């Protein structure tokens, strides 16, 4: 079974556009969980344009009370304290999520658009990975489907990789490009499995391109936020979550 982790960044973005606490990130987490989501993902950035530090701790408390549901906190591990942002590692170590997904996003970057180059950053990441694992936190690295990067991820000590699927979403309308790229993801997933790494995936996955991508071998978890939030505007949050679960289980998009 491929697990669905619902990314709530866009719910927080809507809230922050008006101030206050509506829509409530925690309330929408409850809706997603009640609809069958296996986990919740957030990506707290230093500019706090969507997820706030307080959201991380409130969600950690909610999930602590919800057995079987995983909490995934993703972000740049080198983002330090800035204003009221206490630093990414502080948030992770204090909230103790089940998984930390480390992402190489730069300050002010609109969204994650590439994986780590571990030839350059591996030595700097290794002690961070070790530090988080010592605290019982599973560590996933955000990577492009590149075989060398997969090999280096194992050397850095990661538990999993999250394959960046932005290029998949771009290629999807073109059947030839789509299938050629899918073979690259297959090779990366197989290499990860052979290296003892779990395989996650995320970025721009939606109900339609997920129907093909769910066939990726060894895929454990997908993290979906923007497209699911867009679908929630049309279907409602609970129905949107159930639609993604249906596709992951082998069904068709509504």
Protein backbone atom coordinates (compact mmCIF):
# COMPACT_ATOMS: atom_id res chain seq x y z
CA UNK A 1 0.00 0.00 0.00
CA UNK A 2 1.33 3.43 -0.98
CA UNK A 3 0.81 5.86 1.86
CA UNK A 4 -0.58 9.36 1.33
CA UNK A 5 0.83 12.25 3.34
CA UNK A 6 -1.23 15.42 2.91
CA UNK A 7 0.82 18.61 2.70
CA UNK A 8 -1.02 21.49 4.38
CA UNK A 9 1.17 24.38 3.22
CA UNK A 10 -1.53 25.86 0.97
CA UNK A 11 -4.13 25.78 3.73
CA UNK A 12 -1.72 27.87 5.81
CA UNK A 13 -1.10 30.18 2.85
CA UNK A 14 -4.82 30.94 2.55
CA UNK A 15 -5.01 31.60 6.28
CA UNK A 16 -2.01 33.91 6.23
CA UNK A 17 -3.47 35.97 3.38
CA UNK A 18 -6.04 37.35 5.83
CA UNK A 19 -4.43 36.85 9.23
CA UNK A 20 -6.16 35.14 12.11
CA UNK A 21 -6.58 31.37 12.17
CA UNK A 22 -9.09 30.60 9.42
CA UNK A 23 -8.81 28.20 7.74
CA UNK A 24 -7.27 26.30 10.64
CA UNK A 25 -4.33 24.12 9.60
CA UNK A 26 -5.02 21.77 12.52
CA UNK A 27 -8.71 21.44 11.66
CA UNK A 28 -7.86 20.54 8.07
CA UNK A 29 -5.34 18.00 9.34
CA UNK A 30 -8.17 16.40 11.33
CA UNK A 31 -10.37 16.30 8.23
CA UNK A 32 -7.60 14.70 6.15
CA UNK A 33 -6.90 12.10 8.82
CA UNK A 34 -10.59 11.28 9.27
CA UNK A 35 -10.85 10.80 5.49
CA UNK A 36 -8.07 8.20 5.58
CA UNK A 37 -4.80 10.09 5.03
CA UNK A 38 -1.82 8.20 6.41
CA UNK A 39 0.18 11.27 7.36
CA UNK A 40 0.54 15.03 7.42
CA UNK A 41 3.38 17.02 5.86
CA UNK A 42 4.41 20.63 6.44
CA UNK A 43 7.31 22.70 5.12
CA UNK A 44 8.12 25.56 7.51
CA UNK A 45 10.23 28.18 5.74
CA UNK A 46 12.08 31.09 7.37
CA UNK A 47 9.78 33.65 5.68
CA UNK A 48 6.75 31.87 7.26
CA UNK A 49 4.67 32.62 4.19
CA UNK A 50 2.57 29.58 4.99
CA UNK A 51 3.46 27.20 7.84
CA UNK A 52 4.32 28.91 11.12
CA UNK A 53 6.43 27.39 13.91
CA UNK A 54 3.29 27.22 16.05
CA UNK A 55 1.62 25.06 13.37
CA UNK A 56 4.43 22.53 13.62
CA UNK A 57 3.97 22.11 17.36
CA UNK A 58 0.16 22.04 17.21
CA UNK A 59 0.25 19.35 14.53
CA UNK A 60 2.83 17.36 16.47
CA UNK A 61 0.43 17.39 19.42
CA UNK A 62 -2.50 16.33 17.26
CA UNK A 63 -0.61 13.45 15.69
CA UNK A 64 0.71 12.31 19.04
CA UNK A 65 -2.94 11.71 19.94
CA UNK A 66 -3.63 9.88 16.65
CA UNK A 67 -1.93 6.45 16.59
CA UNK A 68 -0.80 5.21 13.19
CA UNK A 69 -0.62 8.65 11.58
CA UNK A 70 2.82 9.96 10.65
CA UNK A 71 4.10 13.51 10.81
CA UNK A 72 6.63 14.64 8.19
CA UNK A 73 8.42 17.98 8.51
CA UNK A 74 10.34 19.02 5.43
CA UNK A 75 12.68 21.88 4.75
CA UNK A 76 16.21 23.16 4.38
CA UNK A 77 18.30 21.73 7.23
CA UNK A 78 20.68 24.70 7.04
CA UNK A 79 17.96 27.34 7.52
CA UNK A 80 18.90 28.93 10.82
CA UNK A 81 17.06 31.19 13.23
CA UNK A 82 15.69 34.32 11.60
CA UNK A 83 13.31 36.72 13.34
CA UNK A 84 10.57 34.62 14.92
CA UNK A 85 11.64 31.56 12.92
CA UNK A 86 13.71 29.42 15.32
CA UNK A 87 15.59 27.43 12.69
CA UNK A 88 14.64 24.23 10.88
CA UNK A 89 16.62 21.82 13.04
CA UNK A 90 15.19 23.37 16.21
CA UNK A 91 11.66 22.81 14.92
CA UNK A 92 12.38 19.22 13.96
CA UNK A 93 14.20 18.30 17.16
CA UNK A 94 11.57 19.89 19.38
CA UNK A 95 8.52 18.53 17.52
CA UNK A 96 9.99 15.04 16.98
CA UNK A 97 8.18 14.11 13.74
CA UNK A 98 8.31 10.55 12.48
CA UNK A 99 10.17 11.77 9.40
CA UNK A 100 12.26 14.77 8.41
CA UNK A 101 12.58 15.35 4.68
CA UNK A 102 15.62 17.49 3.97
CA UNK A 103 15.21 19.79 0.97
CA UNK A 104 17.73 22.15 -0.67
CA UNK A 105 15.45 25.15 -1.09
CA UNK A 106 17.08 28.59 -1.06
CA UNK A 107 15.76 31.60 0.90
CA UNK A 108 12.85 33.16 -0.96
CA UNK A 109 12.48 30.21 -3.35
CA UNK A 110 8.87 29.92 -4.50
CA UNK A 111 8.83 26.13 -4.23
CA UNK A 112 11.24 23.20 -4.20
CA UNK A 113 12.47 22.65 -7.75
CA UNK A 114 15.51 20.36 -7.54
CA UNK A 115 17.12 17.74 -5.37
CA UNK A 116 20.37 17.86 -3.43
CA UNK A 117 23.69 17.55 -5.23
CA UNK A 118 25.30 15.28 -2.66
CA UNK A 119 28.69 15.56 -4.35
CA UNK A 120 28.75 19.11 -2.98
CA UNK A 121 26.57 18.94 0.11
CA UNK A 122 26.97 15.36 1.29
CA UNK A 123 29.76 16.05 3.76
CA UNK A 124 27.75 18.90 5.30
CA UNK A 125 24.55 16.83 5.43
CA UNK A 126 26.05 13.72 7.01
CA UNK A 127 26.30 15.06 10.59
CA UNK A 128 22.79 16.52 10.31
CA UNK A 129 21.40 13.16 9.23
CA UNK A 130 23.23 11.44 12.08
CA UNK A 131 21.96 14.01 14.60
CA UNK A 132 18.33 13.52 13.59
CA UNK A 133 18.56 9.74 13.48
CA UNK A 134 20.03 9.72 16.99
CA UNK A 135 16.78 11.38 18.08
CA UNK A 136 14.71 8.63 16.51
CA UNK A 137 13.65 10.63 13.45
CA UNK A 138 13.62 8.93 10.06
CA UNK A 139 15.51 11.00 7.49
CA UNK A 140 14.59 11.33 3.83
CA UNK A 141 16.60 13.33 1.27
CA UNK A 142 14.90 15.19 -1.59
CA UNK A 143 16.65 14.02 -4.76
CA UNK A 144 16.37 14.01 -8.52
CA UNK A 145 16.09 10.50 -10.04
CA UNK A 146 19.86 10.29 -10.49
CA UNK A 147 21.66 7.02 -9.79
CA UNK A 148 24.79 8.65 -8.42
CA UNK A 149 22.75 10.74 -5.99
CA UNK A 150 20.94 7.62 -4.80
CA UNK A 151 24.27 5.92 -4.08
CA UNK A 152 25.56 8.96 -2.21
CA UNK A 153 22.35 9.16 -0.16
CA UNK A 154 23.16 5.79 1.34
CA UNK A 155 26.68 6.96 2.16
CA UNK A 156 25.31 10.08 3.86
CA UNK A 157 23.19 7.81 6.09
CA UNK A 158 19.68 8.62 4.89
CA UNK A 159 16.84 6.18 5.54
CA UNK A 160 14.81 7.18 2.50
CA UNK A 161 14.88 9.34 -0.59
CA UNK A 162 12.02 11.48 -1.86
CA UNK A 163 12.15 11.57 -5.63
CA UNK A 164 11.40 15.02 -7.03
CA UNK A 165 8.49 14.56 -9.44
CA UNK A 166 8.25 18.07 -10.89
CA UNK A 167 9.76 16.93 -14.21
CA UNK A 168 7.28 14.03 -14.30
CA UNK A 169 4.36 16.46 -14.09
CA UNK A 170 5.81 18.58 -16.90
CA UNK A 171 6.42 15.57 -19.15
CA UNK A 172 3.12 13.83 -18.41
CA UNK A 173 1.04 15.30 -21.30
CA UNK A 174 3.54 13.88 -23.83
CA UNK A 175 3.29 10.05 -23.82
CA UNK A 176 6.77 9.47 -25.26
CA UNK A 177 8.49 11.84 -22.85
CA UNK A 178 6.40 10.52 -19.99
CA UNK A 179 7.39 6.90 -20.53
CA UNK A 180 11.06 7.70 -21.10
CA UNK A 181 11.14 9.66 -17.86
CA UNK A 182 9.23 6.99 -15.99
CA UNK A 183 12.01 4.56 -16.84
CA UNK A 184 14.47 6.96 -15.16
CA UNK A 185 12.32 6.96 -12.03
CA UNK A 186 12.09 3.17 -12.16
CA UNK A 187 15.88 2.86 -12.30
CA UNK A 188 16.27 5.32 -9.42
CA UNK A 189 13.69 3.50 -7.29
CA UNK A 190 15.32 0.15 -7.96
CA UNK A 191 18.74 1.54 -7.10
CA UNK A 192 17.36 2.97 -3.87
CA UNK A 193 15.80 -0.35 -2.90
CA UNK A 194 19.04 -2.20 -3.64
CA UNK A 195 20.87 0.30 -1.43
CA UNK A 196 18.44 -0.33 1.41
CA UNK A 197 16.69 3.03 1.05
CA UNK A 198 12.95 3.57 1.21
CA UNK A 199 11.35 5.44 -1.68
CA UNK A 200 9.02 8.43 -1.31
CA UNK A 201 7.95 10.85 -4.04
CA UNK A 202 6.47 14.29 -4.28
CA UNK A 203 5.96 17.58 -6.09
CA UNK A 204 3.22 18.38 -8.60
CA UNK A 205 1.65 14.94 -8.38
CA UNK A 206 -2.09 15.10 -9.04
CA UNK A 207 -5.03 12.76 -9.55
CA UNK A 208 -4.22 12.26 -13.22
CA UNK A 209 -0.43 11.83 -13.36
CA UNK A 210 -0.56 9.76 -10.17
CA UNK A 211 -2.48 6.99 -11.97
CA UNK A 212 0.69 6.12 -13.89
CA UNK A 213 3.22 7.03 -11.24
CA UNK A 214 1.67 4.74 -8.64
CA UNK A 215 3.19 1.83 -10.61
CA UNK A 216 6.68 2.92 -9.56
CA UNK A 217 8.35 -0.08 -7.91
CA UNK A 218 9.13 0.15 -4.19
CA UNK A 219 7.12 3.37 -3.75
CA UNK A 220 6.19 3.75 -0.07
CA UNK A 221 4.73 7.24 0.25
CA UNK A 222 3.66 10.27 -1.75
CA UNK A 223 3.39 13.75 -0.32
CA UNK A 224 0.79 15.90 -2.09
CA UNK A 225 -0.28 19.42 -1.22
CA UNK A 226 -0.93 21.97 -3.95
CA UNK A 227 -2.97 19.75 -6.30
CA UNK A 228 -4.87 18.17 -3.44
CA UNK A 229 -5.78 21.61 -2.09
CA UNK A 230 -6.97 22.68 -5.54
CA UNK A 231 -9.11 19.53 -5.73
CA UNK A 232 -10.41 20.24 -2.22
CA UNK A 233 -11.78 23.57 -3.46
CA UNK A 234 -13.85 21.60 -5.96
CA UNK A 235 -14.66 18.44 -4.01
CA UNK A 236 -14.20 19.37 -0.36
CA UNK A 237 -11.17 18.24 1.66
CA UNK A 238 -12.52 14.86 2.74
CA UNK A 239 -13.65 13.87 -0.77
CA UNK A 240 -10.33 15.04 -2.25
CA UNK A 241 -8.34 12.91 0.19
CA UNK A 242 -10.53 9.90 -0.54
CA UNK A 243 -10.09 10.46 -4.30
CA UNK A 244 -6.30 10.34 -3.96
CA UNK A 245 -6.49 7.23 -1.82
CA UNK A 246 -8.69 5.59 -4.46
CA UNK A 247 -6.16 6.37 -7.20
CA UNK A 248 -3.29 5.07 -5.08
CA UNK A 249 -5.28 1.86 -4.54
CA UNK A 250 -5.63 1.33 -8.29
CA UNK A 251 -8.79 3.21 -9.10
CA UNK A 252 -9.48 6.03 -11.53
CA UNK A 253 -9.50 9.77 -10.94
CA UNK A 254 -12.98 11.26 -10.58
